Amino acid sequence: MNTLTKSAPLGTLGLPSGDHWVRFHVEGDSISFEVAASVPQAGAVPVETAGPRKPTGFVQKWGGSVKKIVDESDAWLTHINDKHLR
């Protein structure tokens, strides 16, 4: 793991443009970090491409098994019903 001080700017991480998943461990005035995954910026050539995915059978197993539960006092449940259920 690389180590920085808490006051170090983010540019000190040395990450190229793009999206990154970074794990941090903070202890006292130091921060240890490791880059877990990086996605290059749009337009960049990927280093490796994943092959086609095999079906997992999820839809066959779980498709149509949902039961709609209505509870007007639960805003989050109402949101999920409106967004995901017909």
PDB file of N, CA and C in Angstrom:
ATOM      1  N   MET A   1       0.842  -1.182   0.000  1.00  0.00           N
ATOM      2  CA  MET A   1       0.000   0.000   0.000  1.00  0.00           C
ATOM      3  C   MET A   1       0.883   1.239   0.000  1.00  0.00           C
ATOM      4  N   ASN A   2       0.418   2.254  -0.708  1.00  0.00           N
ATOM      5  CA  ASN A   2       1.096   3.541  -0.717  1.00  0.00           C
ATOM      6  C   ASN A   2       0.610   4.354   0.479  1.00  0.00           C
ATOM      7  N   THR A   3       1.445   5.271   0.967  1.00  0.00           N
ATOM      8  CA  THR A   3       1.083   6.059   2.140  1.00  0.00           C
ATOM      9  C   THR A   3       1.262   7.541   1.865  1.00  0.00           C
ATOM     10  N   LEU A   4       0.291   8.327   2.329  1.00  0.00           N
ATOM     11  CA  LEU A   4       0.312   9.783   2.218  1.00  0.00           C
ATOM     12  C   LEU A   4      -0.066  10.383   3.564  1.00  0.00           C
ATOM     13  N   THR A   5       0.121  11.691   3.700  1.00  0.00           N
ATOM     14  CA  THR A   5      -0.395  12.384   4.878  1.00  0.00           C
ATOM     15  C   THR A   5      -1.821  12.822   4.585  1.00  0.00           C
ATOM     16  N   LYS A   6      -2.599  13.077   5.636  1.00  0.00           N
ATOM     17  CA  LYS A   6      -3.986  13.495   5.463  1.00  0.00           C
ATOM     18  C   LYS A   6      -4.098  14.802   4.695  1.00  0.00           C
ATOM     19  N   SER A   7      -3.100  15.655   4.789  1.00  0.00           N
ATOM     20  CA  SER A   7      -3.181  16.970   4.153  1.00  0.00           C
ATOM     21  C   SER A   7      -2.705  16.955   2.697  1.00  0.00           C
ATOM     22  N   ALA A   8      -2.267  15.816   2.182  1.00  0.00           N
ATOM     23  CA  ALA A   8      -1.784  15.732   0.801  1.00  0.00           C
ATOM     24  C   ALA A   8      -2.947  15.910  -0.177  1.00  0.00           C
ATOM     25  N   PRO A   9      -2.733  16.646  -1.279  1.00  0.00           N
ATOM     26  CA  PRO A   9      -3.803  16.809  -2.276  1.00  0.00           C
ATOM     27  C   PRO A   9      -4.052  15.502  -3.030  1.00  0.00           C
ATOM     28  N   LEU A  10      -5.256  15.365  -3.606  1.00  0.00           N
ATOM     29  CA  LEU A  10      -5.604  14.143  -4.334  1.00  0.00           C
ATOM     30  C   LEU A  10      -4.685  13.885  -5.519  1.00  0.00           C
ATOM     31  N   GLY A  11      -4.137  14.938  -6.114  1.00  0.00           N
ATOM     32  CA  GLY A  11      -3.224  14.765  -7.234  1.00  0.00           C
ATOM     33  C   GLY A  11      -1.999  13.949  -6.860  1.00  0.00           C
ATOM     34  N   THR A  12      -1.694  13.891  -5.591  1.00  0.00           N
ATOM     35  CA  THR A  12      -0.545  13.123  -5.109  1.00  0.00           C
ATOM     36  C   THR A  12      -0.737  11.623  -5.317  1.00  0.00           C
ATOM     37  N   LEU A  13      -2.008  11.182  -5.471  1.00  0.00           N
ATOM     38  CA  LEU A  13      -2.269   9.761  -5.698  1.00  0.00           C
ATOM     39  C   LEU A  13      -1.679   9.287  -7.018  1.00  0.00           C
ATOM     40  N   GLY A  14      -1.494  10.203  -7.989  1.00  0.00           N
ATOM     41  CA  GLY A  14      -0.888   9.841  -9.265  1.00  0.00           C
ATOM     42  C   GLY A  14      -1.781   9.019 -10.172  1.00  0.00           C
ATOM     43  N   LEU A  15      -3.102   9.206 -10.081  1.00  0.00           N
ATOM     44  CA  LEU A  15      -4.029   8.435 -10.900  1.00  0.00           C
ATOM     45  C   LEU A  15      -4.243   9.120 -12.244  1.00  0.00           C
ATOM     46  N   PRO A  16      -4.266   8.351 -13.342  1.00  0.00           N
ATOM     47  CA  PRO A  16      -4.560   8.942 -14.646  1.00  0.00           C
ATOM     48  C   PRO A  16      -6.045   9.285 -14.751  1.00  0.00           C
ATOM     49  N   SER A  17      -6.439  10.024 -15.780  1.00  0.00           N
ATOM     50  CA  SER A  17      -7.845  10.366 -15.978  1.00  0.00           C
ATOM     51  C   SER A  17      -8.668   9.096 -16.129  1.00  0.00           C
ATOM     52  N   GLY A  18      -9.861   9.092 -15.581  1.00  0.00           N
ATOM     53  CA  GLY A  18     -10.747   7.935 -15.644  1.00  0.00           C
ATOM     54  C   GLY A  18     -11.369   7.677 -14.293  1.00  0.00           C
ATOM     55  N   ASP A  19     -12.110   6.585 -14.175  1.00  0.00           N
ATOM     56  CA  ASP A  19     -12.763   6.206 -12.923  1.00  0.00           C
ATOM     57  C   ASP A  19     -11.903   5.194 -12.187  1.00  0.00           C
ATOM     58  N   HIS A  20     -11.858   5.318 -10.866  1.00  0.00           N
ATOM     59  CA  HIS A  20     -11.013   4.446 -10.045  1.00  0.00           C
ATOM     60  C   HIS A  20     -11.743   4.040  -8.771  1.00  0.00           C
ATOM     61  N   TRP A  21     -11.548   2.805  -8.341  1.00  0.00           N
ATOM     62  CA  TRP A  21     -11.976   2.342  -7.031  1.00  0.00           C
ATOM     63  C   TRP A  21     -10.709   2.274  -6.190  1.00  0.00           C
ATOM     64  N   VAL A  22     -10.679   3.054  -5.116  1.00  0.00           N
ATOM     65  CA  VAL A  22      -9.485   3.136  -4.280  1.00  0.00           C
ATOM     66  C   VAL A  22      -9.858   2.775  -2.851  1.00  0.00           C
ATOM     67  N   ARG A  23      -9.057   1.916  -2.215  1.00  0.00           N
ATOM     68  CA  ARG A  23      -9.255   1.557  -0.806  1.00  0.00           C
ATOM     69  C   ARG A  23      -8.329   2.410   0.040  1.00  0.00           C
ATOM     70  N   PHE A  24      -8.901   3.003   1.078  1.00  0.00           N
ATOM     71  CA  PHE A  24      -8.121   3.839   1.975  1.00  0.00           C
ATOM     72  C   PHE A  24      -8.119   3.238   3.373  1.00  0.00           C
ATOM     73  N   HIS A  25      -7.002   3.417   4.056  1.00  0.00           N
ATOM     74  CA  HIS A  25      -6.900   3.073   5.472  1.00  0.00           C
ATOM     75  C   HIS A  25      -6.311   4.294   6.158  1.00  0.00           C
ATOM     76  N   VAL A  26      -7.076   4.870   7.103  1.00  0.00           N
ATOM     77  CA  VAL A  26      -6.649   6.088   7.780  1.00  0.00           C
ATOM     78  C   VAL A  26      -6.225   5.732   9.193  1.00  0.00           C
ATOM     79  N   GLU A  27      -5.037   6.196   9.556  1.00  0.00           N
ATOM     80  CA  GLU A  27      -4.539   5.977  10.910  1.00  0.00           C
ATOM     81  C   GLU A  27      -3.697   7.189  11.302  1.00  0.00           C
ATOM     82  N   GLY A  28      -4.178   7.908  12.315  1.00  0.00           N
ATOM     83  CA  GLY A  28      -3.472   9.111  12.745  1.00  0.00           C
ATOM     84  C   GLY A  28      -3.430  10.137  11.627  1.00  0.00           C
ATOM     85  N   ASP A  29      -2.223  10.612  11.286  1.00  0.00           N
ATOM     86  CA  ASP A  29      -2.073  11.627  10.245  1.00  0.00           C
ATOM     87  C   ASP A  29      -1.720  11.006   8.893  1.00  0.00           C
ATOM     88  N   SER A  30      -1.708   9.691   8.793  1.00  0.00           N
ATOM     89  CA  SER A  30      -1.339   9.075   7.517  1.00  0.00           C
ATOM     90  C   SER A  30      -2.506   8.292   6.925  1.00  0.00           C
ATOM     91  N   ILE A  31      -2.496   8.230   5.595  1.00  0.00           N
ATOM     92  CA  ILE A  31      -3.507   7.499   4.854  1.00  0.00           C
ATOM     93  C   ILE A  31      -2.789   6.514   3.950  1.00  0.00           C
ATOM     94  N   SER A  32      -3.124   5.238   4.076  1.00  0.00           N
ATOM     95  CA  SER A  32      -2.607   4.226   3.168  1.00  0.00           C
ATOM     96  C   SER A  32      -3.676   3.954   2.135  1.00  0.00           C
ATOM     97  N   PHE A  33      -3.262   3.702   0.884  1.00  0.00           N
ATOM     98  CA  PHE A  33      -4.250   3.450  -0.151  1.00  0.00           C
ATOM     99  C   PHE A  33      -3.733   2.455  -1.166  1.00  0.00           C
ATOM    100  N   GLU A  34      -4.682   1.790  -1.820  1.00  0.00           N
ATOM    101  CA  GLU A  34      -4.355   0.934  -2.949  1.00  0.00           C
ATOM    102  C   GLU A  34      -5.474   1.075  -3.968  1.00  0.00           C
ATOM    103  N   VAL A  35      -5.124   1.074  -5.240  1.00  0.00           N
ATOM    104  CA  VAL A  35      -6.098   1.168  -6.311  1.00  0.00           C
ATOM    105  C   VAL A  35      -6.652  -0.230  -6.540  1.00  0.00           C
ATOM    106  N   ALA A  36      -7.949  -0.408  -6.261  1.00  0.00           N
ATOM    107  CA  ALA A  36      -8.580  -1.714  -6.401  1.00  0.00           C
ATOM    108  C   ALA A  36      -8.935  -1.991  -7.855  1.00  0.00           C
ATOM    109  N   ALA A  37      -9.371  -0.943  -8.594  1.00  0.00           N
ATOM    110  CA  ALA A  37      -9.732  -1.102 -10.002  1.00  0.00           C
ATOM    111  C   ALA A  37      -9.702   0.256 -10.670  1.00  0.00           C
ATOM    112  N   SER A  38      -9.384   0.281 -11.950  1.00  0.00           N
ATOM    113  CA  SER A  38      -9.360   1.511 -12.714  1.00  0.00           C
ATOM    114  C   SER A  38     -10.079   1.293 -14.037  1.00  0.00           C
ATOM    115  N   VAL A  39     -10.845   2.302 -14.448  1.00  0.00           N
ATOM    116  CA  VAL A  39     -11.511   2.293 -15.747  1.00  0.00           C
ATOM    117  C   VAL A  39     -10.962   3.486 -16.507  1.00  0.00           C
ATOM    118  N   PRO A  40     -10.358   3.257 -17.688  1.00  0.00           N
ATOM    119  CA  PRO A  40      -9.773   4.371 -18.414  1.00  0.00           C
ATOM    120  C   PRO A  40     -10.828   5.379 -18.848  1.00  0.00           C
ATOM    121  N   GLN A  41     -10.367   6.591 -19.109  1.00  0.00           N
ATOM    122  CA  GLN A  41     -11.252   7.657 -19.554  1.00  0.00           C
ATOM    123  C   GLN A  41     -11.900   7.280 -20.880  1.00  0.00           C
ATOM    124  N   ALA A  42     -13.107   7.787 -21.143  1.00  0.00           N
ATOM    125  CA  ALA A  42     -13.832   7.489 -22.374  1.00  0.00           C
ATOM    126  C   ALA A  42     -12.954   7.800 -23.580  1.00  0.00           C
ATOM    127  N   GLY A  43     -12.976   6.913 -24.557  1.00  0.00           N
ATOM    128  CA  GLY A  43     -12.181   7.107 -25.759  1.00  0.00           C
ATOM    129  C   GLY A  43     -10.829   6.421 -25.694  1.00  0.00           C
ATOM    130  N   ALA A  44     -10.416   6.012 -24.516  1.00  0.00           N
ATOM    131  CA  ALA A  44      -9.132   5.336 -24.391  1.00  0.00           C
ATOM    132  C   ALA A  44      -9.289   3.882 -24.839  1.00  0.00           C
ATOM    133  N   VAL A  45      -8.238   3.294 -25.304  1.00  0.00           N
ATOM    134  CA  VAL A  45      -8.261   1.909 -25.756  1.00  0.00           C
ATOM    135  C   VAL A  45      -8.123   0.996 -24.548  1.00  0.00           C
ATOM    136  N   PRO A  46      -9.080   0.086 -24.319  1.00  0.00           N
ATOM    137  CA  PRO A  46      -8.979  -0.803 -23.160  1.00  0.00           C
ATOM    138  C   PRO A  46      -7.820  -1.778 -23.317  1.00  0.00           C
ATOM    139  N   VAL A  47      -7.202  -2.111 -22.193  1.00  0.00           N
ATOM    140  CA  VAL A  47      -6.078  -3.037 -22.205  1.00  0.00           C
ATOM    141  C   VAL A  47      -6.554  -4.449 -22.512  1.00  0.00           C
ATOM    142  N   GLU A  48      -7.666  -4.843 -21.922  1.00  0.00           N
ATOM    143  CA  GLU A  48      -8.207  -6.170 -22.182  1.00  0.00           C
ATOM    144  C   GLU A  48      -9.725  -6.062 -22.291  1.00  0.00           C
ATOM    145  N   THR A  49     -10.307  -6.893 -23.091  1.00  0.00           N
ATOM    146  CA  THR A  49     -11.760  -6.894 -23.231  1.00  0.00           C
ATOM    147  C   THR A  49     -12.294  -8.224 -22.729  1.00  0.00           C
ATOM    148  N   ALA A  50     -13.403  -8.134 -22.024  1.00  0.00           N
ATOM    149  CA  ALA A  50     -14.021  -9.342 -21.494  1.00  0.00           C
ATOM    150  C   ALA A  50     -14.775 -10.062 -22.601  1.00  0.00           C
ATOM    151  N   GLY A  51     -14.766 -11.365 -22.553  1.00  0.00           N
ATOM    152  CA  GLY A  51     -15.492 -12.161 -23.530  1.00  0.00           C
ATOM    153  C   GLY A  51     -16.987 -12.105 -23.256  1.00  0.00           C
ATOM    154  N   PRO A  52     -17.766 -12.724 -24.108  1.00  0.00           N
ATOM    155  CA  PRO A  52     -19.215 -12.710 -23.886  1.00  0.00           C
ATOM    156  C   PRO A  52     -19.578 -13.461 -22.603  1.00  0.00           C
ATOM    157  N   ARG A  53     -20.583 -12.939 -21.928  1.00  0.00           N
ATOM    158  CA  ARG A  53     -21.005 -13.556 -20.669  1.00  0.00           C
ATOM    159  C   ARG A  53     -21.954 -14.709 -20.928  1.00  0.00           C
ATOM    160  N   LYS A  54     -21.864 -15.719 -20.096  1.00  0.00           N
ATOM    161  CA  LYS A  54     -22.773 -16.852 -20.178  1.00  0.00           C
ATOM    162  C   LYS A  54     -24.010 -16.543 -19.343  1.00  0.00           C
ATOM    163  N   PRO A  55     -25.181 -16.982 -19.789  1.00  0.00           N
ATOM    164  CA  PRO A  55     -26.392 -16.768 -18.992  1.00  0.00           C
ATOM    165  C   PRO A  55     -26.266 -17.455 -17.627  1.00  0.00           C
ATOM    166  N   THR A  56     -26.773 -16.784 -16.595  1.00  0.00           N
ATOM    167  CA  THR A  56     -26.680 -17.347 -15.243  1.00  0.00           C
ATOM    168  C   THR A  56     -27.936 -18.087 -14.819  1.00  0.00           C
ATOM    169  N   GLY A  57     -29.032 -17.917 -15.572  1.00  0.00           N
ATOM    170  CA  GLY A  57     -30.280 -18.562 -15.198  1.00  0.00           C
ATOM    171  C   GLY A  57     -31.078 -17.773 -14.180  1.00  0.00           C
ATOM    172  N   PHE A  58     -30.633 -16.559 -13.847  1.00  0.00           N
ATOM    173  CA  PHE A  58     -31.306 -15.752 -12.833  1.00  0.00           C
ATOM    174  C   PHE A  58     -32.751 -15.457 -13.219  1.00  0.00           C
ATOM    175  N   VAL A  59     -32.970 -15.030 -14.464  1.00  0.00           N
ATOM    176  CA  VAL A  59     -34.323 -14.667 -14.906  1.00  0.00           C
ATOM    177  C   VAL A  59     -35.237 -15.884 -14.893  1.00  0.00           C
ATOM    178  N   GLN A  60     -34.744 -17.026 -15.361  1.00  0.00           N
ATOM    179  CA  GLN A  60     -35.570 -18.229 -15.366  1.00  0.00           C
ATOM    180  C   GLN A  60     -35.951 -18.632 -13.942  1.00  0.00           C
ATOM    181  N   LYS A  61     -35.026 -18.446 -13.003  1.00  0.00           N
ATOM    182  CA  LYS A  61     -35.292 -18.867 -11.628  1.00  0.00           C
ATOM    183  C   LYS A  61     -36.206 -17.885 -10.903  1.00  0.00           C
ATOM    184  N   TRP A  62     -35.959 -16.573 -11.054  1.00  0.00           N
ATOM    185  CA  TRP A  62     -36.644 -15.588 -10.242  1.00  0.00           C
ATOM    186  C   TRP A  62     -37.676 -14.752 -11.007  1.00  0.00           C
ATOM    187  N   GLY A  63     -37.667 -14.797 -12.333  1.00  0.00           N
ATOM    188  CA  GLY A  63     -38.605 -13.989 -13.107  1.00  0.00           C
ATOM    189  C   GLY A  63     -40.048 -14.288 -12.749  1.00  0.00           C
ATOM    190  N   GLY A  64     -40.827 -13.248 -12.522  1.00  0.00           N
ATOM    191  CA  GLY A  64     -42.240 -13.413 -12.201  1.00  0.00           C
ATOM    192  C   GLY A  64     -42.524 -13.822 -10.774  1.00  0.00           C
ATOM    193  N   SER A  65     -41.518 -13.884  -9.914  1.00  0.00           N
ATOM    194  CA  SER A  65     -41.744 -14.354  -8.545  1.00  0.00           C
ATOM    195  C   SER A  65     -41.990 -13.222  -7.554  1.00  0.00           C
ATOM    196  N   VAL A  66     -41.955 -11.982  -8.013  1.00  0.00           N
ATOM    197  CA  VAL A  66     -42.111 -10.853  -7.104  1.00  0.00           C
ATOM    198  C   VAL A  66     -43.582 -10.679  -6.699  1.00  0.00           C
ATOM    199  N   LYS A  67     -43.778 -10.279  -5.463  1.00  0.00           N
ATOM    200  CA  LYS A  67     -45.121  -9.994  -4.965  1.00  0.00           C
ATOM    201  C   LYS A  67     -45.140  -8.527  -4.553  1.00  0.00           C
ATOM    202  N   LYS A  68     -46.080  -7.781  -5.090  1.00  0.00           N
ATOM    203  CA  LYS A  68     -46.178  -6.349  -4.786  1.00  0.00           C
ATOM    204  C   LYS A  68     -46.787  -6.171  -3.402  1.00  0.00           C
ATOM    205  N   ILE A  69     -46.097  -5.415  -2.565  1.00  0.00           N
ATOM    206  CA  ILE A  69     -46.577  -5.096  -1.228  1.00  0.00           C
ATOM    207  C   ILE A  69     -46.836  -3.601  -1.192  1.00  0.00           C
ATOM    208  N   VAL A  70     -48.021  -3.207  -0.832  1.00  0.00           N
ATOM    209  CA  VAL A  70     -48.389  -1.794  -0.800  1.00  0.00           C
ATOM    210  C   VAL A  70     -48.468  -1.336   0.650  1.00  0.00           C
ATOM    211  N   ASP A  71     -47.696  -0.298   0.953  1.00  0.00           N
ATOM    212  CA  ASP A  71     -47.726   0.328   2.278  1.00  0.00           C
ATOM    213  C   ASP A  71     -47.536   1.818   2.046  1.00  0.00           C
ATOM    214  N   GLU A  72     -48.624   2.570   2.041  1.00  0.00           N
ATOM    215  CA  GLU A  72     -48.569   4.005   1.724  1.00  0.00           C
ATOM    216  C   GLU A  72     -47.725   4.788   2.724  1.00  0.00           C
ATOM    217  N   SER A  73     -47.490   4.259   3.906  1.00  0.00           N
ATOM    218  CA  SER A  73     -46.689   4.977   4.899  1.00  0.00           C
ATOM    219  C   SER A  73     -45.186   4.810   4.657  1.00  0.00           C
ATOM    220  N   ASP A  74     -44.805   3.904   3.762  1.00  0.00           N
ATOM    221  CA  ASP A  74     -43.392   3.639   3.466  1.00  0.00           C
ATOM    222  C   ASP A  74     -43.037   4.254   2.112  1.00  0.00           C
ATOM    223  N   ALA A  75     -42.400   5.425   2.144  1.00  0.00           N
ATOM    224  CA  ALA A  75     -42.078   6.150   0.911  1.00  0.00           C
ATOM    225  C   ALA A  75     -41.106   5.364   0.035  1.00  0.00           C
ATOM    226  N   TRP A  76     -40.144   4.685   0.643  1.00  0.00           N
ATOM    227  CA  TRP A  76     -39.150   3.958  -0.151  1.00  0.00           C
ATOM    228  C   TRP A  76     -39.779   2.754  -0.864  1.00  0.00           C
ATOM    229  N   LEU A  77     -40.647   2.040  -0.188  1.00  0.00           N
ATOM    230  CA  LEU A  77     -41.345   0.915  -0.793  1.00  0.00           C
ATOM    231  C   LEU A  77     -42.229   1.400  -1.949  1.00  0.00           C
ATOM    232  N   THR A  78     -42.899   2.523  -1.764  1.00  0.00           N
ATOM    233  CA  THR A  78     -43.717   3.097  -2.831  1.00  0.00           C
ATOM    234  C   THR A  78     -42.851   3.460  -4.027  1.00  0.00           C
ATOM    235  N   HIS A  79     -41.679   4.040  -3.773  1.00  0.00           N
ATOM    236  CA  HIS A  79     -40.745   4.378  -4.846  1.00  0.00           C
ATOM    237  C   HIS A  79     -40.314   3.138  -5.619  1.00  0.00           C
ATOM    238  N   ILE A  80     -39.961   2.066  -4.909  1.00  0.00           N
ATOM    239  CA  ILE A  80     -39.531   0.828  -5.543  1.00  0.00           C
ATOM    240  C   ILE A  80     -40.664   0.242  -6.378  1.00  0.00           C
ATOM    241  N   ASN A  81     -41.879   0.222  -5.825  1.00  0.00           N
ATOM    242  CA  ASN A  81     -43.031  -0.294  -6.575  1.00  0.00           C
ATOM    243  C   ASN A  81     -43.257   0.498  -7.845  1.00  0.00           C
ATOM    244  N   ASP A  82     -43.222   1.828  -7.744  1.00  0.00           N
ATOM    245  CA  ASP A  82     -43.466   2.675  -8.918  1.00  0.00           C
ATOM    246  C   ASP A  82     -42.389   2.504  -9.971  1.00  0.00           C
ATOM    247  N   LYS A  83     -41.174   2.321  -9.548  1.00  0.00           N
ATOM    248  CA  LYS A  83     -40.056   2.239 -10.487  1.00  0.00           C
ATOM    249  C   LYS A  83     -39.903   0.856 -11.117  1.00  0.00           C
ATOM    250  N   HIS A  84     -40.107  -0.194 -10.348  1.00  0.00           N
ATOM    251  CA  HIS A  84     -39.740  -1.529 -10.804  1.00  0.00           C
ATOM    252  C   HIS A  84     -40.894  -2.491 -11.062  1.00  0.00           C
ATOM    253  N   LEU A  85     -42.082  -2.177 -10.575  1.00  0.00           N
ATOM    254  CA  LEU A  85     -43.188  -3.108 -10.739  1.00  0.00           C
ATOM    255  C   LEU A  85     -44.263  -2.520 -11.636  1.00  0.00           C
ATOM    256  N   ARG A  86     -44.915  -3.397 -12.375  1.00  0.00           N
ATOM    257  CA  ARG A  86     -45.998  -2.947 -13.258  1.00  0.00           C
ATOM    258  C   ARG A  86     -47.310  -3.103 -12.585  1.00  0.00           C
TER     259      ARG A  86
END
